[in-house]
């Protein structure tokens, strides 16, 4: 029964979206995330995202470089402050430089809890955005859940389901900025490495678009190198 459920989830997440892709334009996001421990309480957040207007990685929509300093209040609560650089490109533009450049200062708080086998992650994020010559503030809230499918908990060799919804809110007259809804499957290769792939639907005003996502999450412990 469990294997049948996993197969059904796989079909829904991976094959159903291609029926939409055949009718509508869709893009892809290739992503890397890392949490790099430098002490018992502190770690460095590293992140790179390569976002494309199309399924094939031939028409860049946006690059995202983000870093920050994490403070681990406990194993269930993390506070972060950092900086991001985000250049954006117009679809099928001949211009090699970005049409929009954003420098962003950000702060966030992540809180996790478990209900049975399901792990919930609540992420609250504030952003101070310098977009070309404009300054903007934005608030984001994301709720995500992780459900191990073949083991009681997420450990080495675990196949897991990941789902989230994230809402973006501006401080300007356009209160609603966007919403992101995601569903995907992940595999825990070992303690510090996991792979995830899935489908994200992004709604911006009346415009919605699907993105296929591929992510590598690689966490390291830099204390070993620091103490050498």
N, C-alpha and C. Protein backbone atom coordinates (compact mmCIF):
# COMPACT_ATOMS: atom_id res chain seq x y z
N UNK A 1 0.83 -1.20 0.00
CA UNK A 1 0.00 0.00 0.00
C UNK A 1 0.87 1.26 0.00
N UNK A 2 1.92 1.28 0.84
CA UNK A 2 2.79 2.45 0.93
C UNK A 2 3.47 2.72 -0.40
N UNK A 3 3.93 1.64 -1.09
CA UNK A 3 4.59 1.82 -2.38
C UNK A 3 3.62 2.39 -3.41
N UNK A 4 2.34 1.97 -3.35
CA UNK A 4 1.35 2.50 -4.27
C UNK A 4 1.13 3.99 -4.05
N UNK A 5 1.08 4.39 -2.77
CA UNK A 5 0.90 5.80 -2.44
C UNK A 5 2.06 6.63 -2.99
N UNK A 6 3.29 6.13 -2.79
CA UNK A 6 4.48 6.82 -3.30
C UNK A 6 4.41 6.96 -4.81
N UNK A 7 3.99 5.89 -5.49
CA UNK A 7 3.89 5.94 -6.95
C UNK A 7 2.85 6.96 -7.40
N UNK A 8 1.71 7.02 -6.70
CA UNK A 8 0.68 7.98 -7.05
C UNK A 8 1.19 9.42 -6.86
N UNK A 9 1.88 9.66 -5.76
CA UNK A 9 2.44 10.99 -5.50
C UNK A 9 3.44 11.37 -6.59
N UNK A 10 4.25 10.41 -6.99
CA UNK A 10 5.25 10.64 -8.02
C UNK A 10 4.56 11.06 -9.32
N UNK A 11 3.48 10.36 -9.68
CA UNK A 11 2.75 10.67 -10.91
C UNK A 11 2.16 12.06 -10.84
N UNK A 12 1.53 12.40 -9.70
CA UNK A 12 0.88 13.71 -9.55
C UNK A 12 1.90 14.84 -9.65
N UNK A 13 3.03 14.69 -8.94
CA UNK A 13 4.01 15.76 -8.86
C UNK A 13 4.80 15.94 -10.14
N UNK A 14 5.13 14.83 -10.80
CA UNK A 14 6.06 14.92 -11.92
C UNK A 14 5.42 14.85 -13.30
N UNK A 15 4.39 14.05 -13.48
CA UNK A 15 3.85 13.85 -14.81
C UNK A 15 2.66 14.73 -15.13
N UNK A 16 1.79 15.00 -14.16
CA UNK A 16 0.64 15.85 -14.40
C UNK A 16 1.03 17.25 -14.86
N UNK A 17 2.05 17.90 -14.25
CA UNK A 17 2.40 19.26 -14.69
C UNK A 17 2.79 19.37 -16.15
N UNK A 18 3.28 18.26 -16.75
CA UNK A 18 3.71 18.35 -18.14
C UNK A 18 2.52 18.55 -19.07
N UNK A 19 1.31 18.18 -18.64
CA UNK A 19 0.12 18.45 -19.44
C UNK A 19 -0.15 19.95 -19.50
N UNK A 20 0.19 20.66 -18.40
CA UNK A 20 0.05 22.12 -18.39
C UNK A 20 1.16 22.76 -19.21
N UNK A 21 2.38 22.19 -19.09
CA UNK A 21 3.52 22.73 -19.82
C UNK A 21 3.26 22.72 -21.31
N UNK A 22 2.53 21.68 -21.77
CA UNK A 22 2.24 21.56 -23.20
C UNK A 22 1.35 22.70 -23.67
N UNK A 23 0.55 23.28 -22.74
CA UNK A 23 -0.39 24.33 -23.13
C UNK A 23 0.12 25.72 -22.76
N UNK A 24 0.92 25.83 -21.73
CA UNK A 24 1.36 27.14 -21.26
C UNK A 24 2.88 27.17 -21.15
N UNK A 25 3.41 28.37 -21.18
CA UNK A 25 4.84 28.50 -20.97
C UNK A 25 5.19 28.16 -19.53
N UNK A 26 6.32 27.52 -19.34
CA UNK A 26 6.78 27.18 -17.99
C UNK A 26 8.28 27.38 -17.95
N UNK A 27 8.81 27.61 -16.75
CA UNK A 27 10.23 27.82 -16.59
C UNK A 27 10.84 26.78 -15.67
N UNK A 28 12.11 26.98 -15.33
CA UNK A 28 12.74 26.10 -14.36
C UNK A 28 13.66 26.89 -13.45
N UNK A 29 13.83 26.38 -12.23
CA UNK A 29 14.76 26.94 -11.26
C UNK A 29 15.74 25.87 -10.85
N UNK A 30 17.03 26.17 -10.98
CA UNK A 30 18.10 25.30 -10.51
C UNK A 30 18.69 25.97 -9.27
N UNK A 31 18.75 25.23 -8.15
CA UNK A 31 19.04 25.88 -6.87
C UNK A 31 20.04 25.09 -6.03
N UNK A 32 20.80 25.85 -5.26
CA UNK A 32 21.71 25.28 -4.25
C UNK A 32 21.50 26.03 -2.93
N UNK A 33 21.41 25.28 -1.81
CA UNK A 33 21.30 25.87 -0.48
C UNK A 33 22.32 25.20 0.44
N UNK A 34 22.91 26.00 1.33
CA UNK A 34 23.86 25.43 2.28
C UNK A 34 23.80 26.12 3.63
N UNK A 35 23.92 25.35 4.69
CA UNK A 35 24.07 25.87 6.05
C UNK A 35 25.43 25.39 6.55
N UNK A 36 26.35 26.33 6.76
CA UNK A 36 27.74 26.00 7.04
C UNK A 36 28.11 26.40 8.47
N UNK A 37 28.23 25.42 9.34
CA UNK A 37 28.47 25.66 10.76
C UNK A 37 29.87 26.24 10.99
N UNK A 38 29.93 27.32 11.79
CA UNK A 38 31.24 27.87 12.16
C UNK A 38 31.44 27.85 13.67
N UNK A 39 30.37 27.61 14.43
CA UNK A 39 30.46 27.44 15.88
C UNK A 39 29.21 26.72 16.34
N UNK A 40 29.10 26.51 17.63
CA UNK A 40 27.93 25.80 18.15
C UNK A 40 26.64 26.56 17.88
N UNK A 41 26.69 27.89 17.91
CA UNK A 41 25.50 28.71 17.76
C UNK A 41 25.38 29.41 16.41
N UNK A 42 26.49 29.53 15.67
CA UNK A 42 26.47 30.30 14.43
C UNK A 42 26.77 29.44 13.21
N UNK A 43 26.13 29.81 12.10
CA UNK A 43 26.43 29.18 10.81
C UNK A 43 26.23 30.22 9.72
N UNK A 44 26.75 29.93 8.53
CA UNK A 44 26.65 30.83 7.38
C UNK A 44 25.69 30.24 6.37
N UNK A 45 24.71 31.03 5.97
CA UNK A 45 23.76 30.62 4.94
C UNK A 45 24.35 30.95 3.57
N UNK A 46 24.36 29.97 2.66
CA UNK A 46 24.81 30.20 1.28
C UNK A 46 23.72 29.71 0.34
N UNK A 47 23.51 30.46 -0.74
CA UNK A 47 22.40 30.13 -1.65
C UNK A 47 22.68 30.69 -3.04
N UNK A 48 22.37 29.87 -4.04
CA UNK A 48 22.46 30.31 -5.43
C UNK A 48 21.27 29.74 -6.19
N UNK A 49 20.59 30.61 -6.94
CA UNK A 49 19.47 30.16 -7.76
C UNK A 49 19.62 30.68 -9.18
N UNK A 50 19.43 29.78 -10.14
CA UNK A 50 19.48 30.12 -11.56
C UNK A 50 18.08 29.87 -12.11
N UNK A 51 17.35 30.95 -12.37
CA UNK A 51 15.96 30.86 -12.78
C UNK A 51 15.83 31.17 -14.27
N UNK A 52 15.03 30.36 -14.96
CA UNK A 52 14.89 30.50 -16.41
C UNK A 52 13.44 30.75 -16.80
N UNK A 53 13.24 31.54 -17.86
CA UNK A 53 11.91 31.80 -18.39
C UNK A 53 11.29 30.53 -18.97
N UNK A 54 12.13 29.61 -19.47
CA UNK A 54 11.65 28.43 -20.19
C UNK A 54 12.11 27.15 -19.48
N UNK A 55 11.54 26.02 -19.90
CA UNK A 55 11.93 24.73 -19.32
C UNK A 55 13.41 24.47 -19.54
N UNK A 56 13.87 24.72 -20.76
CA UNK A 56 15.30 24.59 -21.06
C UNK A 56 16.04 25.78 -20.46
N UNK A 57 17.26 25.52 -19.99
CA UNK A 57 18.06 26.57 -19.34
C UNK A 57 18.78 27.42 -20.37
N UNK A 58 17.99 28.11 -21.20
CA UNK A 58 18.59 28.88 -22.30
C UNK A 58 18.15 30.33 -22.29
N UNK A 59 17.23 30.70 -21.40
CA UNK A 59 16.73 32.07 -21.37
C UNK A 59 16.62 32.51 -19.91
N UNK A 60 17.67 33.12 -19.42
CA UNK A 60 17.75 33.48 -18.01
C UNK A 60 16.67 34.49 -17.64
N UNK A 61 15.94 34.18 -16.57
CA UNK A 61 14.95 35.11 -16.03
C UNK A 61 15.54 35.90 -14.86
N UNK A 62 16.28 35.19 -14.00
CA UNK A 62 16.80 35.83 -12.79
C UNK A 62 17.92 34.99 -12.19
N UNK A 63 18.91 35.67 -11.63
CA UNK A 63 19.92 35.02 -10.81
C UNK A 63 19.73 35.52 -9.38
N UNK A 64 19.98 34.65 -8.42
CA UNK A 64 19.84 35.06 -7.04
C UNK A 64 21.03 34.55 -6.24
N UNK A 65 21.77 35.48 -5.67
CA UNK A 65 22.90 35.16 -4.80
C UNK A 65 22.56 35.68 -3.41
N UNK A 66 22.47 34.78 -2.44
CA UNK A 66 22.05 35.19 -1.10
C UNK A 66 22.95 34.55 -0.05
N UNK A 67 23.32 35.36 0.94
CA UNK A 67 24.11 34.85 2.05
C UNK A 67 23.63 35.52 3.33
N UNK A 68 23.96 34.91 4.45
CA UNK A 68 23.53 35.47 5.72
C UNK A 68 24.19 34.76 6.89
N UNK A 69 24.06 35.35 8.06
CA UNK A 69 24.60 34.77 9.29
C UNK A 69 23.44 34.24 10.11
N UNK A 70 23.48 32.93 10.41
CA UNK A 70 22.44 32.28 11.20
C UNK A 70 22.85 32.22 12.67
N UNK A 71 21.87 32.46 13.53
CA UNK A 71 22.07 32.23 14.97
C UNK A 71 21.07 31.17 15.41
N UNK A 72 21.59 30.04 15.89
CA UNK A 72 20.75 28.90 16.26
C UNK A 72 20.34 29.04 17.73
N UNK A 73 19.12 29.52 17.94
CA UNK A 73 18.63 29.65 19.31
C UNK A 73 18.43 28.28 19.95
N UNK A 74 18.01 27.31 19.12
CA UNK A 74 17.85 25.93 19.54
C UNK A 74 17.81 25.09 18.27
N UNK A 75 17.57 23.79 18.41
CA UNK A 75 17.48 22.96 17.21
C UNK A 75 16.14 23.15 16.50
N UNK A 76 15.26 24.01 17.06
CA UNK A 76 13.97 24.27 16.45
C UNK A 76 13.76 25.72 16.09
N UNK A 77 14.75 26.57 16.30
CA UNK A 77 14.58 28.01 16.04
C UNK A 77 15.89 28.62 15.56
N UNK A 78 15.83 29.32 14.42
CA UNK A 78 17.01 29.95 13.82
C UNK A 78 16.66 31.37 13.40
N UNK A 79 17.50 32.34 13.79
CA UNK A 79 17.36 33.73 13.35
C UNK A 79 18.50 34.05 12.39
N UNK A 80 18.19 34.80 11.33
CA UNK A 80 19.17 35.08 10.28
C UNK A 80 19.08 36.53 9.82
N UNK A 81 20.23 37.11 9.48
CA UNK A 81 20.29 38.41 8.82
C UNK A 81 21.30 38.30 7.69
N UNK A 82 21.00 38.92 6.53
CA UNK A 82 21.93 38.76 5.42
C UNK A 82 21.70 39.72 4.28
N UNK A 83 22.34 39.42 3.15
CA UNK A 83 22.33 40.26 1.96
C UNK A 83 22.11 39.38 0.73
N UNK A 84 21.42 39.95 -0.28
CA UNK A 84 21.21 39.23 -1.54
C UNK A 84 21.38 40.19 -2.71
N UNK A 85 21.86 39.62 -3.81
CA UNK A 85 21.96 40.36 -5.07
C UNK A 85 21.16 39.60 -6.12
N UNK A 86 20.21 40.32 -6.78
CA UNK A 86 19.29 39.66 -7.72
C UNK A 86 19.20 40.46 -9.02
N UNK A 87 19.91 40.06 -10.08
CA UNK A 87 19.70 40.66 -11.38
C UNK A 87 18.59 39.92 -12.14
N UNK A 88 17.73 40.67 -12.84
CA UNK A 88 16.61 40.08 -13.58
C UNK A 88 16.70 40.47 -15.05
N UNK A 89 16.23 39.55 -15.92
CA UNK A 89 16.36 39.72 -17.36
C UNK A 89 15.00 39.56 -18.03
N UNK A 90 14.74 40.39 -19.03
CA UNK A 90 13.49 40.33 -19.79
C UNK A 90 13.51 39.13 -20.72
N UNK A 91 12.34 38.53 -20.94
CA UNK A 91 12.22 37.35 -21.79
C UNK A 91 12.67 37.65 -23.22
N UNK A 92 13.56 36.81 -23.73
CA UNK A 92 14.09 36.89 -25.09
C UNK A 92 14.73 38.25 -25.39
N UNK A 93 15.32 38.85 -24.37
CA UNK A 93 15.99 40.14 -24.56
C UNK A 93 17.36 39.94 -25.20
N UNK A 94 17.74 40.86 -26.06
CA UNK A 94 19.07 40.84 -26.67
C UNK A 94 20.11 41.50 -25.77
N UNK A 95 19.64 42.17 -24.74
CA UNK A 95 20.55 42.86 -23.82
C UNK A 95 21.24 41.85 -22.91
N UNK A 96 22.56 41.93 -22.82
CA UNK A 96 23.31 40.98 -22.00
C UNK A 96 23.33 41.37 -20.53
N UNK A 97 23.21 42.66 -20.25
CA UNK A 97 23.17 43.10 -18.86
C UNK A 97 21.72 43.04 -18.36
N UNK A 98 21.52 42.91 -17.06
CA UNK A 98 20.15 42.80 -16.53
C UNK A 98 19.37 44.10 -16.68
N UNK A 99 18.07 43.97 -16.96
CA UNK A 99 17.20 45.13 -17.02
C UNK A 99 16.88 45.67 -15.63
N UNK A 100 16.86 44.77 -14.66
CA UNK A 100 16.57 45.15 -13.27
C UNK A 100 17.64 44.57 -12.36
N UNK A 101 18.19 45.41 -11.47
CA UNK A 101 19.14 44.95 -10.48
C UNK A 101 18.61 45.26 -9.08
N UNK A 102 18.69 44.29 -8.21
CA UNK A 102 18.21 44.48 -6.85
C UNK A 102 19.27 44.10 -5.84
N UNK A 103 19.49 44.99 -4.89
CA UNK A 103 20.30 44.71 -3.71
C UNK A 103 19.34 44.61 -2.53
N UNK A 104 19.45 43.56 -1.78
CA UNK A 104 18.44 43.27 -0.76
C UNK A 104 19.09 42.95 0.59
N UNK A 105 18.61 43.61 1.63
CA UNK A 105 18.95 43.26 3.00
C UNK A 105 17.76 42.49 3.57
N UNK A 106 18.02 41.40 4.27
CA UNK A 106 16.90 40.57 4.73
C UNK A 106 17.16 40.01 6.12
N UNK A 107 16.06 39.76 6.82
CA UNK A 107 16.09 39.14 8.14
C UNK A 107 14.99 38.08 8.17
N UNK A 108 15.26 36.98 8.86
CA UNK A 108 14.23 35.95 8.94
C UNK A 108 14.31 35.17 10.25
N UNK A 109 13.20 34.52 10.55
CA UNK A 109 13.12 33.66 11.72
C UNK A 109 12.44 32.37 11.29
N UNK A 110 13.08 31.23 11.56
CA UNK A 110 12.53 29.92 11.21
C UNK A 110 12.22 29.15 12.49
N UNK A 111 11.02 28.64 12.55
CA UNK A 111 10.57 27.85 13.70
C UNK A 111 10.03 26.53 13.18
N UNK A 112 10.46 25.41 13.78
CA UNK A 112 10.00 24.09 13.34
C UNK A 112 9.30 23.36 14.48
N UNK A 113 8.39 22.47 14.10
CA UNK A 113 7.73 21.60 15.07
C UNK A 113 7.29 20.33 14.35
N UNK A 114 6.99 19.30 15.11
CA UNK A 114 6.57 18.03 14.52
C UNK A 114 5.20 17.63 15.04
N UNK A 115 4.42 17.05 14.14
CA UNK A 115 3.13 16.45 14.49
C UNK A 115 3.14 15.05 13.91
N UNK A 116 3.35 14.06 14.76
CA UNK A 116 3.53 12.71 14.27
C UNK A 116 4.80 12.62 13.44
N UNK A 117 4.69 12.09 12.23
CA UNK A 117 5.84 11.98 11.33
C UNK A 117 6.12 13.27 10.56
N UNK A 118 5.15 14.18 10.57
CA UNK A 118 5.26 15.37 9.73
C UNK A 118 6.02 16.48 10.44
N UNK A 119 7.02 17.02 9.75
CA UNK A 119 7.77 18.17 10.26
C UNK A 119 7.25 19.43 9.60
N UNK A 120 6.88 20.43 10.41
CA UNK A 120 6.42 21.72 9.90
C UNK A 120 7.52 22.76 10.08
N UNK A 121 7.67 23.62 9.07
CA UNK A 121 8.64 24.71 9.14
C UNK A 121 7.93 26.02 8.83
N UNK A 122 7.97 26.96 9.78
CA UNK A 122 7.39 28.28 9.60
C UNK A 122 8.52 29.28 9.38
N UNK A 123 8.49 29.97 8.24
CA UNK A 123 9.55 30.94 7.94
C UNK A 123 8.95 32.33 7.79
N UNK A 124 9.42 33.26 8.62
CA UNK A 124 9.01 34.66 8.59
C UNK A 124 10.20 35.48 8.08
N UNK A 125 9.97 36.27 7.01
CA UNK A 125 11.10 37.00 6.42
C UNK A 125 10.72 38.45 6.13
N UNK A 126 11.62 39.37 6.50
CA UNK A 126 11.51 40.79 6.15
C UNK A 126 12.58 41.12 5.13
N UNK A 127 12.21 41.98 4.15
CA UNK A 127 13.17 42.35 3.11
C UNK A 127 13.16 43.87 2.89
N UNK A 128 14.35 44.45 2.85
CA UNK A 128 14.53 45.85 2.47
C UNK A 128 15.18 45.83 1.08
N UNK A 129 14.41 46.25 0.07
CA UNK A 129 14.79 46.02 -1.32
C UNK A 129 15.17 47.33 -2.02
N UNK A 130 16.34 47.34 -2.60
CA UNK A 130 16.80 48.47 -3.41
C UNK A 130 16.77 48.01 -4.87
N UNK A 131 15.65 48.32 -5.55
CA UNK A 131 15.40 47.83 -6.91
C UNK A 131 15.62 48.98 -7.89
N UNK A 132 16.72 48.88 -8.67
CA UNK A 132 17.15 50.00 -9.51
C UNK A 132 17.21 51.27 -8.65
N UNK A 133 16.36 52.24 -8.91
CA UNK A 133 16.41 53.48 -8.12
C UNK A 133 15.28 53.58 -7.09
N UNK A 134 14.60 52.46 -6.84
CA UNK A 134 13.46 52.47 -5.92
C UNK A 134 13.77 51.67 -4.66
N UNK A 135 13.17 52.11 -3.55
CA UNK A 135 13.29 51.38 -2.29
C UNK A 135 11.93 50.79 -1.92
N UNK A 136 11.92 49.51 -1.53
CA UNK A 136 10.68 48.82 -1.21
C UNK A 136 10.90 47.93 0.03
N UNK A 137 9.82 47.74 0.79
CA UNK A 137 9.82 46.78 1.89
C UNK A 137 8.86 45.65 1.56
N UNK A 138 9.19 44.45 2.06
CA UNK A 138 8.31 43.32 1.80
C UNK A 138 8.36 42.33 2.96
N UNK A 139 7.21 41.72 3.23
CA UNK A 139 7.11 40.68 4.26
C UNK A 139 6.69 39.38 3.59
N UNK A 140 7.32 38.27 4.04
CA UNK A 140 7.00 36.97 3.49
C UNK A 140 6.75 35.97 4.62
N UNK A 141 5.76 35.10 4.40
CA UNK A 141 5.53 34.01 5.34
C UNK A 141 5.38 32.71 4.55
N UNK A 142 6.14 31.70 4.94
CA UNK A 142 6.08 30.40 4.27
C UNK A 142 5.83 29.30 5.30
N UNK A 143 4.86 28.44 5.04
CA UNK A 143 4.66 27.25 5.84
C UNK A 143 4.99 26.05 4.95
N UNK A 144 5.88 25.20 5.44
CA UNK A 144 6.32 24.03 4.67
C UNK A 144 6.21 22.80 5.54
N UNK A 145 5.90 21.66 4.90
CA UNK A 145 5.88 20.41 5.63
C UNK A 145 6.72 19.37 4.90
N UNK A 146 7.32 18.50 5.70
CA UNK A 146 8.13 17.40 5.19
C UNK A 146 7.54 16.09 5.73
N UNK A 147 7.26 15.15 4.84
CA UNK A 147 6.69 13.87 5.25
C UNK A 147 7.56 12.73 4.74
N UNK A 148 8.25 12.00 5.63
CA UNK A 148 9.04 10.84 5.19
C UNK A 148 8.10 9.75 4.67
N UNK A 149 8.48 9.13 3.55
CA UNK A 149 7.60 8.15 2.91
C UNK A 149 8.00 6.70 3.15
N UNK A 150 9.29 6.44 3.34
CA UNK A 150 9.72 5.05 3.49
C UNK A 150 10.42 4.76 4.81
N UNK A 151 10.49 5.78 5.69
CA UNK A 151 11.10 5.62 7.01
C UNK A 151 10.34 6.48 8.01
N UNK A 152 10.48 6.19 9.31
CA UNK A 152 9.77 6.99 10.31
C UNK A 152 10.21 8.44 10.37
N UNK A 153 11.50 8.68 10.13
CA UNK A 153 12.04 10.04 10.14
C UNK A 153 12.92 10.24 8.91
N UNK A 154 13.27 11.51 8.64
CA UNK A 154 14.14 11.80 7.50
C UNK A 154 15.59 11.56 7.92
N UNK A 155 16.17 10.52 7.37
CA UNK A 155 17.56 10.14 7.62
C UNK A 155 18.14 9.62 6.32
N UNK A 156 19.36 9.14 6.36
CA UNK A 156 20.00 8.63 5.15
C UNK A 156 19.13 7.57 4.48
N UNK A 157 18.90 7.75 3.17
CA UNK A 157 18.10 6.79 2.42
C UNK A 157 16.61 7.06 2.44
N UNK A 158 16.18 8.20 2.99
CA UNK A 158 14.76 8.50 3.09
C UNK A 158 14.25 9.24 1.85
N UNK A 159 13.14 8.76 1.32
CA UNK A 159 12.39 9.48 0.29
C UNK A 159 11.30 10.26 1.01
N UNK A 160 11.20 11.56 0.74
CA UNK A 160 10.23 12.36 1.47
C UNK A 160 9.47 13.31 0.55
N UNK A 161 8.30 13.68 1.03
CA UNK A 161 7.44 14.63 0.33
C UNK A 161 7.62 16.00 0.94
N UNK A 162 7.72 17.02 0.10
CA UNK A 162 7.82 18.40 0.57
C UNK A 162 6.72 19.25 -0.05
N UNK A 163 6.00 19.99 0.77
CA UNK A 163 4.93 20.88 0.30
C UNK A 163 5.06 22.23 0.99
N UNK A 164 4.82 23.32 0.27
CA UNK A 164 4.78 24.61 0.95
C UNK A 164 3.90 25.61 0.22
N UNK A 165 3.48 26.61 0.97
CA UNK A 165 2.81 27.78 0.40
C UNK A 165 3.45 29.00 1.02
N UNK A 166 3.75 30.00 0.18
CA UNK A 166 4.38 31.23 0.66
C UNK A 166 3.66 32.43 0.09
N UNK A 167 3.33 33.38 0.97
CA UNK A 167 2.67 34.61 0.55
C UNK A 167 3.62 35.78 0.74
N UNK A 168 3.61 36.73 -0.22
CA UNK A 168 4.46 37.92 -0.21
C UNK A 168 3.57 39.14 -0.08
N UNK A 169 3.90 40.04 0.86
CA UNK A 169 3.09 41.23 1.11
C UNK A 169 3.96 42.48 1.05
N UNK A 170 3.50 43.49 0.30
CA UNK A 170 4.21 44.76 0.18
C UNK A 170 3.73 45.78 1.22
N UNK A 171 4.50 46.84 1.37
CA UNK A 171 4.05 47.95 2.22
C UNK A 171 3.50 49.09 1.39
N UNK A 172 3.33 48.86 0.08
CA UNK A 172 2.82 49.89 -0.82
C UNK A 172 1.32 49.69 -1.06
N UNK A 173 0.77 50.46 -2.01
CA UNK A 173 -0.66 50.37 -2.30
C UNK A 173 -1.04 48.99 -2.85
N UNK A 174 -0.11 48.37 -3.61
CA UNK A 174 -0.34 46.99 -4.06
C UNK A 174 0.07 46.07 -2.93
N UNK A 175 -0.90 45.77 -2.07
CA UNK A 175 -0.63 45.03 -0.84
C UNK A 175 -0.13 43.62 -1.14
N UNK A 176 -0.81 42.91 -2.01
CA UNK A 176 -0.43 41.54 -2.37
C UNK A 176 0.64 41.57 -3.44
N UNK A 177 1.76 40.91 -3.18
CA UNK A 177 2.85 40.88 -4.15
C UNK A 177 2.78 39.61 -5.00
N UNK A 178 2.76 38.44 -4.33
CA UNK A 178 2.69 37.18 -5.05
C UNK A 178 2.46 36.02 -4.08
N UNK A 179 2.15 34.85 -4.65
CA UNK A 179 2.01 33.63 -3.86
C UNK A 179 2.71 32.49 -4.58
N UNK A 180 3.37 31.65 -3.81
CA UNK A 180 4.05 30.48 -4.37
C UNK A 180 3.54 29.21 -3.70
N UNK A 181 3.14 28.25 -4.52
CA UNK A 181 2.66 26.95 -4.05
C UNK A 181 3.54 25.88 -4.65
N UNK A 182 4.10 25.01 -3.80
CA UNK A 182 5.10 24.03 -4.25
C UNK A 182 4.78 22.63 -3.76
N UNK A 183 5.06 21.63 -4.59
CA UNK A 183 5.00 20.24 -4.19
C UNK A 183 6.13 19.47 -4.85
N UNK A 184 6.83 18.63 -4.10
CA UNK A 184 7.95 17.90 -4.68
C UNK A 184 8.37 16.71 -3.84
N UNK A 185 9.30 15.96 -4.39
CA UNK A 185 9.88 14.81 -3.71
C UNK A 185 11.35 15.07 -3.42
N UNK A 186 11.83 14.56 -2.30
CA UNK A 186 13.23 14.70 -1.94
C UNK A 186 13.83 13.36 -1.56
N UNK A 187 15.15 13.30 -1.62
CA UNK A 187 15.87 12.09 -1.21
C UNK A 187 17.05 12.50 -0.35
N UNK A 188 17.14 11.93 0.85
CA UNK A 188 18.24 12.23 1.77
C UNK A 188 19.40 11.30 1.44
N UNK A 189 20.40 11.83 0.74
CA UNK A 189 21.55 11.03 0.30
C UNK A 189 22.37 10.59 1.50
N UNK A 190 22.71 11.55 2.36
CA UNK A 190 23.31 11.25 3.66
C UNK A 190 22.98 12.40 4.60
N UNK A 191 23.57 12.40 5.77
CA UNK A 191 23.18 13.36 6.81
C UNK A 191 23.22 14.80 6.33
N UNK A 192 24.21 15.17 5.53
CA UNK A 192 24.41 16.57 5.15
C UNK A 192 24.02 16.89 3.72
N UNK A 193 23.47 15.92 2.99
CA UNK A 193 23.16 16.15 1.58
C UNK A 193 21.79 15.59 1.23
N UNK A 194 20.95 16.44 0.62
CA UNK A 194 19.66 15.98 0.11
C UNK A 194 19.40 16.60 -1.26
N UNK A 195 18.59 15.92 -2.05
CA UNK A 195 18.20 16.37 -3.38
C UNK A 195 16.68 16.49 -3.42
N UNK A 196 16.19 17.56 -4.05
CA UNK A 196 14.75 17.74 -4.15
C UNK A 196 14.38 18.18 -5.56
N UNK A 197 13.25 17.71 -6.04
CA UNK A 197 12.74 18.14 -7.33
C UNK A 197 11.23 18.19 -7.26
N UNK A 198 10.64 19.18 -7.90
CA UNK A 198 9.19 19.33 -7.83
C UNK A 198 8.70 20.43 -8.74
N UNK A 199 7.49 20.88 -8.48
CA UNK A 199 6.82 21.89 -9.31
C UNK A 199 6.34 23.03 -8.43
N UNK A 200 6.63 24.26 -8.87
CA UNK A 200 6.17 25.46 -8.17
C UNK A 200 5.23 26.24 -9.07
N UNK A 201 4.12 26.69 -8.49
CA UNK A 201 3.22 27.60 -9.21
C UNK A 201 3.31 28.97 -8.55
N UNK A 202 3.70 29.97 -9.36
CA UNK A 202 3.82 31.33 -8.85
C UNK A 202 2.71 32.20 -9.42
N UNK A 203 1.97 32.85 -8.52
CA UNK A 203 0.88 33.73 -8.93
C UNK A 203 1.28 35.17 -8.62
N UNK A 204 1.40 36.00 -9.65
CA UNK A 204 1.71 37.42 -9.50
C UNK A 204 0.54 38.20 -10.10
N UNK A 205 -0.25 38.85 -9.22
CA UNK A 205 -1.49 39.51 -9.65
C UNK A 205 -2.37 38.49 -10.39
N UNK A 206 -2.70 38.74 -11.65
CA UNK A 206 -3.55 37.81 -12.40
C UNK A 206 -2.76 36.85 -13.26
N UNK A 207 -1.44 36.86 -13.08
CA UNK A 207 -0.57 36.05 -13.93
C UNK A 207 -0.01 34.87 -13.14
N UNK A 208 -0.23 33.67 -13.63
CA UNK A 208 0.30 32.47 -12.98
C UNK A 208 1.24 31.72 -13.91
N UNK A 209 2.25 31.09 -13.32
CA UNK A 209 3.22 30.36 -14.14
C UNK A 209 3.79 29.19 -13.35
N UNK A 210 4.05 28.08 -14.07
CA UNK A 210 4.66 26.90 -13.46
C UNK A 210 6.17 26.91 -13.66
N UNK A 211 6.87 26.42 -12.64
CA UNK A 211 8.33 26.26 -12.73
C UNK A 211 8.71 24.87 -12.22
N UNK A 212 9.49 24.15 -13.00
CA UNK A 212 10.09 22.92 -12.51
C UNK A 212 11.30 23.29 -11.67
N UNK A 213 11.46 22.64 -10.53
CA UNK A 213 12.55 22.99 -9.62
C UNK A 213 13.45 21.79 -9.35
N UNK A 214 14.75 22.08 -9.29
CA UNK A 214 15.74 21.08 -8.92
C UNK A 214 16.67 21.72 -7.89
N UNK A 215 16.79 21.10 -6.72
CA UNK A 215 17.56 21.71 -5.64
C UNK A 215 18.55 20.73 -5.02
N UNK A 216 19.71 21.26 -4.68
CA UNK A 216 20.73 20.53 -3.91
C UNK A 216 20.88 21.25 -2.58
N UNK A 217 20.73 20.52 -1.47
CA UNK A 217 20.91 21.08 -0.13
C UNK A 217 22.13 20.40 0.48
N UNK A 218 23.20 21.15 0.66
CA UNK A 218 24.46 20.58 1.16
C UNK A 218 24.93 21.39 2.35
N UNK A 219 24.87 20.79 3.52
CA UNK A 219 25.27 21.46 4.76
C UNK A 219 26.64 20.96 5.20
N UNK A 220 27.48 21.88 5.63
CA UNK A 220 28.85 21.53 6.00
C UNK A 220 29.16 22.00 7.42
N UNK A 221 30.22 21.44 7.98
CA UNK A 221 30.70 21.85 9.30
C UNK A 221 32.11 22.41 9.11
N UNK A 222 32.19 23.75 9.05
CA UNK A 222 33.48 24.40 8.80
C UNK A 222 34.37 24.43 10.04
N UNK A 223 33.86 24.03 11.19
CA UNK A 223 34.66 24.05 12.41
C UNK A 223 35.86 23.12 12.29
N UNK A 224 35.71 22.06 11.53
CA UNK A 224 36.82 21.10 11.35
C UNK A 224 38.00 21.77 10.66
N UNK A 225 37.67 22.63 9.67
CA UNK A 225 38.74 23.32 8.95
C UNK A 225 39.29 24.49 9.77
N UNK A 226 38.39 25.19 10.51
CA UNK A 226 38.81 26.34 11.30
C UNK A 226 39.79 25.93 12.39
N UNK A 227 39.55 24.78 12.98
CA UNK A 227 40.36 24.33 14.12
C UNK A 227 41.64 23.61 13.70
N UNK A 228 41.86 23.44 12.40
CA UNK A 228 43.09 22.76 11.95
C UNK A 228 44.33 23.63 12.20
